Amino acid sequence: MLIDGLQCGHFDRDVFQELRLADIGCVTVTCGFWEDTVESLDSLGRWRDLVRENADLVGEARSAADIRAIVASGRTALLMGFQNSDLFQGRIRLVEMFAELGVRVVQLTYNNQNALGGSCYEEHDSGLARFGREVVREMNRAGMLVDLSHVGDRTTLDAIRHSEKPVAITHANPKRLFDHRRNKSDEVIRALSDQGGVIGCATYRNITGDDYCGSVEKWCEMVARTVDLAGIDHVAVGTDRSHNFVKRDYDWMRMGRWTRGVDLGASPPSRPGKAPPPDWLLQVRDIGKIEGGLAAVGFSQNEITALAHGNWLRLYTEVFGH
């Protein structure tokens, strides 16, 4: 069984069938990027309909126990997540309310500075704001995982120090292995692991690099080097795989409503459109190659279990409860 810390895009029955073929036990799905409160509620409603229509393949999970039960039934568990905190719209009480609606993972910032703190793309990272401290505290209380994947380093370190529960970087890689603003410094990764958190290694070519995308073994070598930094108990999988995206989806993801211009997000100017998937991950079902790749680069079975799903399940239990 494998747990993927984050995927995004337009899921449908074909995607769910591919997830089952890959023996994916759980995926955190992206319900929104720039959406406000009402738009986020609409998104949750659409996800509920989608899960209901495909209940033979997937089920919504709100706890570690839910994940185990859904997997035991032969289905894939879905955790509802957002890649930005705009759904709260400056209202602290909405954290608890969205938690009650099943939202389990929220990223403090997406690609821009917001009321909570600084993103990885700002020239100067402001650090965690007063409101950000309040939201982290409320997320801890409500059983919602703090995601720091697109968050600036200073704000990330502040959030790690301030959070009473372990936090996550659901989809990024070490900056020392591929130098990109989306990736994380050694200081951040060590602070994350010292606090009990987990980093999900991404397969997204723009933040992984062509070399590590060449084969599943090469990507698993990157995972092994991440383990050297963070420790075996603090590394997992967070592919950042997107499904059925077209240009308007990339434009919304990168530019939202905040600019009249063009922003490329993580893409280099030489490759402004959709990044090619890794050479070994051409179909969703190919995610199932990861456990074999981990074995090929020398991980033991116990270590593979930790990387494939054990570390996420431990973190989810600590944050969501049993």
Protein backbone atom coordinates (compact mmCIF):
# COMPACT_ATOMS: atom_id res chain seq x y z
CA MET A 1 0.00 0.00 0.00
CA LEU A 2 1.17 3.51 -0.83
CA ILE A 3 -0.07 6.87 0.48
CA ASP A 4 0.42 9.94 -1.70
CA GLY A 5 0.63 13.19 0.28
CA LEU A 6 -0.74 15.34 -2.53
CA GLN A 7 -2.27 15.19 -6.00
CA CYS A 8 -4.29 17.80 -7.85
CA GLY A 9 -6.38 18.24 -10.97
CA HIS A 10 -9.71 16.92 -12.18
CA PHE A 11 -10.29 13.46 -10.77
CA ASP A 12 -12.81 11.17 -12.44
CA ARG A 13 -13.66 7.47 -12.49
CA ASP A 14 -10.77 6.69 -14.84
CA VAL A 15 -8.31 8.27 -12.39
CA PHE A 16 -9.83 6.37 -9.48
CA GLN A 17 -9.48 3.10 -11.40
CA GLU A 18 -5.83 3.90 -12.08
CA LEU A 19 -5.27 4.59 -8.38
CA ARG A 20 -6.69 1.17 -7.57
CA LEU A 21 -4.46 -0.52 -10.17
CA ALA A 22 -1.46 1.12 -8.46
CA ASP A 23 -2.66 -0.02 -4.99
CA ILE A 24 -2.79 3.58 -3.78
CA GLY A 25 -4.28 3.43 -0.30
CA CYS A 26 -4.81 7.16 0.28
CA VAL A 27 -4.40 10.45 -1.57
CA THR A 28 -4.70 14.01 -0.30
CA VAL A 29 -6.62 15.78 -3.06
CA THR A 30 -6.47 19.50 -3.86
CA CYS A 31 -9.91 21.07 -3.47
CA GLY A 32 -8.71 24.60 -4.19
CA PHE A 33 -5.94 27.16 -4.72
CA TRP A 34 -7.33 30.73 -4.73
CA GLU A 35 -10.98 29.97 -3.96
CA ASP A 36 -12.82 32.01 -1.34
CA THR A 37 -15.16 30.56 1.30
CA VAL A 38 -18.25 30.03 -0.88
CA GLU A 39 -16.22 28.70 -3.80
CA SER A 40 -14.46 26.32 -1.41
CA LEU A 41 -17.82 25.08 -0.10
CA ASP A 42 -18.89 24.48 -3.70
CA SER A 43 -15.71 22.50 -4.28
CA LEU A 44 -16.33 20.33 -1.23
CA GLY A 45 -19.85 19.70 -2.46
CA ARG A 46 -18.58 18.59 -5.86
CA TRP A 47 -16.06 16.28 -4.19
CA ARG A 48 -18.79 14.72 -2.06
CA ASP A 49 -20.84 14.06 -5.19
CA LEU A 50 -17.81 12.55 -6.93
CA VAL A 51 -17.03 10.25 -4.00
CA ARG A 52 -20.69 9.20 -3.75
CA GLU A 53 -20.83 8.41 -7.48
CA ASN A 54 -17.67 6.27 -7.23
CA ALA A 55 -18.19 4.72 -3.80
CA ASP A 56 -17.08 1.31 -5.08
CA LEU A 57 -13.59 2.72 -5.73
CA VAL A 58 -13.02 5.53 -3.20
CA GLY A 59 -14.16 6.83 0.17
CA GLU A 60 -13.65 10.09 2.06
CA ALA A 61 -11.38 9.74 5.11
CA ARG A 62 -11.29 12.01 8.15
CA SER A 63 -9.06 9.94 10.44
CA ALA A 64 -6.30 7.36 10.32
CA ALA A 65 -8.90 4.74 11.25
CA ASP A 66 -11.01 5.78 8.25
CA ILE A 67 -8.00 5.32 5.98
CA ARG A 68 -7.36 1.82 7.30
CA ALA A 69 -11.02 0.84 6.99
CA ILE A 70 -11.35 2.17 3.42
CA VAL A 71 -8.13 0.40 2.38
CA ALA A 72 -9.35 -2.83 4.01
CA SER A 73 -12.50 -2.58 1.86
CA GLY A 74 -10.39 -2.55 -1.33
CA ARG A 75 -10.83 1.15 -2.06
CA THR A 76 -8.69 4.29 -2.04
CA ALA A 77 -9.15 6.80 0.79
CA LEU A 78 -9.32 10.50 -0.10
CA LEU A 79 -8.32 13.27 2.30
CA MET A 80 -9.76 16.69 1.49
CA GLY A 81 -7.11 19.41 1.27
CA PHE A 82 -6.55 22.98 0.09
CA GLN A 83 -3.32 24.51 -1.20
CA ASN A 84 -4.07 27.92 0.29
CA SER A 85 -5.83 29.39 3.32
CA ASP A 86 -8.11 31.74 1.33
CA LEU A 87 -11.06 29.50 2.26
CA PHE A 88 -10.93 31.00 5.78
CA GLN A 89 -11.22 34.61 4.50
CA GLY A 90 -9.74 36.09 7.66
CA ARG A 91 -12.27 34.38 9.94
CA ILE A 92 -10.72 32.23 12.66
CA ARG A 93 -13.99 30.40 13.37
CA LEU A 94 -14.04 29.01 9.84
CA VAL A 95 -11.05 26.79 10.61
CA GLU A 96 -13.14 24.65 12.95
CA MET A 97 -16.13 24.76 10.61
CA PHE A 98 -14.15 23.53 7.61
CA ALA A 99 -12.61 20.83 9.80
CA GLU A 100 -16.12 19.70 10.71
CA LEU A 101 -16.89 19.52 6.97
CA GLY A 102 -13.99 17.10 6.51
CA VAL A 103 -11.08 19.33 5.45
CA ARG A 104 -7.95 17.71 6.85
CA VAL A 105 -5.00 19.45 5.16
CA VAL A 106 -4.50 23.18 4.49
CA GLN A 107 -1.39 24.91 3.17
CA LEU A 108 -0.77 28.22 4.96
CA THR A 109 0.15 30.09 1.76
CA TYR A 110 0.16 29.26 -1.89
CA ASN A 111 2.46 31.20 -4.24
CA ASN A 112 1.76 34.67 -2.83
CA GLN A 113 2.07 36.45 0.49
CA ASN A 114 -1.22 36.35 2.37
CA ALA A 115 -2.58 37.34 5.77
CA LEU A 116 -0.88 34.34 7.42
CA GLY A 117 2.68 34.73 6.16
CA GLY A 118 5.14 34.68 3.29
CA SER A 119 5.35 32.34 0.31
CA CYS A 120 8.42 30.84 -1.32
CA TYR A 121 8.15 33.25 -4.28
CA GLU A 122 8.19 36.55 -2.37
CA GLU A 123 11.45 38.48 -2.49
CA HIS A 124 11.28 38.98 1.29
CA ASP A 125 9.60 36.43 3.56
CA SER A 126 7.74 38.29 6.30
CA GLY A 127 7.52 35.30 8.64
CA LEU A 128 4.39 33.95 10.31
CA ALA A 129 1.94 36.80 10.96
CA ARG A 130 -0.11 37.21 14.15
CA PHE A 131 -3.13 35.85 12.30
CA GLY A 132 -0.96 32.99 11.04
CA ARG A 133 -0.11 32.04 14.63
CA GLU A 134 -3.79 32.04 15.49
CA VAL A 135 -4.65 29.85 12.49
CA VAL A 136 -1.88 27.35 13.27
CA ARG A 137 -3.11 27.10 16.86
CA GLU A 138 -6.70 26.64 15.68
CA MET A 139 -5.69 24.02 13.08
CA ASN A 140 -3.91 22.10 15.84
CA ARG A 141 -7.03 22.21 17.97
CA ALA A 142 -9.37 21.24 15.13
CA GLY A 143 -7.28 18.31 13.91
CA MET A 144 -6.16 19.82 10.61
CA LEU A 145 -2.66 19.22 9.18
CA VAL A 146 -0.53 22.33 8.57
CA ASP A 147 1.05 22.07 5.09
CA LEU A 148 4.12 24.21 4.34
CA SER A 149 4.98 23.10 0.79
CA HIS A 150 4.77 26.50 -0.98
CA VAL A 151 5.54 28.54 2.15
CA GLY A 152 8.67 30.67 2.49
CA ASP A 153 11.51 29.38 4.66
CA ARG A 154 11.19 31.98 7.43
CA THR A 155 7.42 31.50 7.69
CA THR A 156 7.92 27.73 7.58
CA LEU A 157 10.41 27.79 10.45
CA ASP A 158 8.10 30.05 12.46
CA ALA A 159 5.17 27.67 11.85
CA ILE A 160 7.21 24.63 12.89
CA ARG A 161 8.23 26.35 16.11
CA HIS A 162 4.72 27.59 16.84
CA SER A 163 2.76 24.43 16.06
CA GLU A 164 1.97 22.14 18.97
CA LYS A 165 1.55 19.21 16.56
CA PRO A 166 3.85 17.92 13.81
CA VAL A 167 3.43 19.61 10.44
CA ALA A 168 4.06 18.53 6.85
CA ILE A 169 5.69 19.54 3.62
CA THR A 170 3.38 17.42 1.49
CA HIS A 171 5.02 17.95 -1.91
CA ALA A 172 8.54 19.34 -2.26
CA ASN A 173 12.17 18.19 -2.38
CA PRO A 174 15.44 19.23 -0.76
CA LYS A 175 16.91 22.38 -2.28
CA ARG A 176 20.40 20.91 -2.08
CA LEU A 177 19.33 18.18 -4.54
CA PHE A 178 17.55 20.51 -6.98
CA ASP A 179 17.91 24.25 -6.50
CA HIS A 180 14.44 25.72 -6.88
CA ARG A 181 12.53 28.27 -4.81
CA ARG A 182 9.78 25.73 -4.19
CA ASN A 183 12.25 23.30 -2.59
CA LYS A 184 13.37 23.28 1.04
CA SER A 185 16.63 24.19 2.74
CA ASP A 186 18.54 21.81 5.00
CA GLU A 187 17.57 24.01 7.96
CA VAL A 188 13.87 23.64 7.19
CA ILE A 189 14.06 19.88 6.65
CA ARG A 190 15.98 19.31 9.88
CA ALA A 191 13.59 21.51 11.86
CA LEU A 192 10.64 19.61 10.36
CA SER A 193 12.07 16.23 11.33
CA ASP A 194 13.10 17.41 14.82
CA GLN A 195 9.45 18.40 15.40
CA GLY A 196 8.13 15.03 14.17
CA GLY A 197 6.93 16.20 10.76
CA VAL A 198 7.07 14.57 7.33
CA ILE A 199 8.23 15.72 3.89
CA GLY A 200 6.58 14.12 0.86
CA CYS A 201 9.04 13.87 -2.03
CA ALA A 202 7.58 15.20 -5.28
CA THR A 203 7.79 13.84 -8.81
CA TYR A 204 6.83 17.16 -10.48
CA ARG A 205 9.59 17.66 -13.04
CA ASN A 206 9.92 21.42 -12.52
CA ILE A 207 11.03 20.93 -8.90
CA THR A 208 12.61 17.49 -9.29
CA GLY A 209 14.86 18.00 -12.30
CA ASP A 210 15.33 15.93 -15.43
CA ASP A 211 17.98 13.66 -13.92
CA TYR A 212 15.83 12.41 -11.03
CA CYS A 213 12.92 11.98 -13.46
CA GLY A 214 14.84 9.58 -15.70
CA SER A 215 13.81 6.36 -13.95
CA VAL A 216 12.03 5.25 -10.82
CA GLU A 217 15.39 4.17 -9.41
CA LYS A 218 16.86 7.64 -9.96
CA TRP A 219 13.86 9.22 -8.22
CA CYS A 220 14.21 6.75 -5.33
CA GLU A 221 17.88 7.75 -5.06
CA MET A 222 16.59 11.28 -4.42
CA VAL A 223 14.32 9.85 -1.72
CA ALA A 224 17.34 8.11 -0.18
CA ARG A 225 19.30 11.38 -0.10
CA THR A 226 16.30 13.06 1.52
CA VAL A 227 16.30 10.33 4.17
CA ASP A 228 19.98 11.14 4.82
CA LEU A 229 18.86 14.67 5.72
CA ALA A 230 15.58 14.06 7.55
CA GLY A 231 15.76 10.48 8.84
CA ILE A 232 13.78 7.43 7.78
CA ASP A 233 10.76 8.35 9.94
CA HIS A 234 10.22 11.75 8.32
CA VAL A 235 10.16 11.11 4.56
CA ALA A 236 7.25 9.91 2.42
CA VAL A 237 5.69 10.30 -1.03
CA GLY A 238 3.94 13.47 -2.25
CA THR A 239 3.98 13.23 -6.02
CA ASP A 240 2.17 16.51 -6.86
CA ARG A 241 0.70 14.60 -9.81
CA SER A 242 -2.00 16.49 -11.73
CA HIS A 243 -4.93 14.93 -13.58
CA ASN A 244 -6.71 16.16 -16.71
CA PHE A 245 -5.29 19.69 -16.50
CA VAL A 246 -5.57 21.99 -19.53
CA LYS A 247 -4.23 25.51 -20.10
CA ARG A 248 -7.03 27.31 -18.25
CA ASP A 249 -6.34 25.13 -15.20
CA TYR A 250 -2.65 26.02 -15.22
CA ASP A 251 -3.53 29.70 -15.70
CA TRP A 252 -5.84 29.57 -12.65
CA MET A 253 -3.32 27.67 -10.57
CA ARG A 254 -0.50 30.11 -11.41
CA MET A 255 -2.25 33.45 -11.86
CA GLY A 256 -5.64 33.16 -10.18
CA ARG A 257 -7.25 36.61 -10.01
CA TRP A 258 -4.20 38.44 -8.71
CA THR A 259 -2.45 39.54 -11.94
CA ARG A 260 -3.21 40.76 -15.47
CA GLY A 261 0.17 39.48 -16.56
CA VAL A 262 1.73 36.07 -17.02
CA ASP A 263 3.17 34.07 -14.15
CA LEU A 264 4.80 30.71 -14.80
CA GLY A 265 4.68 29.34 -11.26
CA ALA A 266 7.40 26.71 -10.92
CA SER A 267 7.99 26.47 -14.68
CA PRO A 268 11.24 27.79 -16.18
CA PRO A 269 10.87 30.29 -19.07
CA SER A 270 12.23 27.60 -21.40
CA ARG A 271 9.27 25.34 -20.54
CA PRO A 272 6.29 27.62 -19.83
CA GLY A 273 3.51 25.11 -20.42
CA LYS A 274 2.78 21.74 -18.90
CA ALA A 275 5.89 20.02 -17.58
CA PRO A 276 6.40 16.53 -19.02
CA PRO A 277 5.78 13.80 -16.44
CA PRO A 278 8.75 11.76 -15.24
CA ASP A 279 9.87 9.20 -17.81
CA TRP A 280 8.74 6.40 -15.49
CA LEU A 281 5.39 7.96 -14.48
CA LEU A 282 3.51 8.28 -17.76
CA GLN A 283 0.30 6.78 -16.34
CA VAL A 284 -1.21 7.15 -12.87
CA ARG A 285 -0.83 3.41 -12.28
CA ASP A 286 2.95 3.82 -12.62
CA ILE A 287 3.00 5.27 -9.09
CA GLY A 288 2.83 1.63 -8.09
CA LYS A 289 6.46 1.24 -9.24
CA ILE A 290 7.72 3.27 -6.29
CA GLU A 291 7.95 0.47 -3.73
CA GLY A 292 9.97 -1.67 -6.13
CA GLY A 293 12.22 1.30 -6.84
CA LEU A 294 12.84 1.83 -3.14
CA ALA A 295 13.87 -1.82 -2.83
CA ALA A 296 16.17 -1.47 -5.84
CA VAL A 297 18.13 1.37 -4.22
CA GLY A 298 18.68 -0.58 -1.01
CA PHE A 299 15.85 0.14 1.41
CA SER A 300 14.77 -2.72 3.67
CA GLN A 301 11.16 -3.89 3.81
CA ASN A 302 10.57 -2.08 7.10
CA GLU A 303 12.01 1.11 5.63
CA ILE A 304 9.86 0.76 2.49
CA THR A 305 6.77 0.36 4.68
CA ALA A 306 7.65 3.57 6.54
CA LEU A 307 8.28 5.54 3.34
CA ALA A 308 5.32 4.14 1.43
CA HIS A 309 2.65 4.69 4.05
CA GLY A 310 3.79 4.26 7.65
CA ASN A 311 5.14 7.77 8.15
CA TRP A 312 2.00 9.42 6.78
CA LEU A 313 -0.23 7.20 8.92
CA ARG A 314 1.77 8.05 12.04
CA LEU A 315 1.51 11.77 11.29
CA TYR A 316 -2.20 11.56 10.48
CA THR A 317 -2.83 9.73 13.76
CA GLU A 318 -1.00 12.44 15.73
CA VAL A 319 -2.83 15.28 13.97
CA PHE A 320 -6.31 13.89 13.19
CA GLY A 321 -6.57 11.37 15.99
CA HIS A 322 -7.26 7.66 15.70
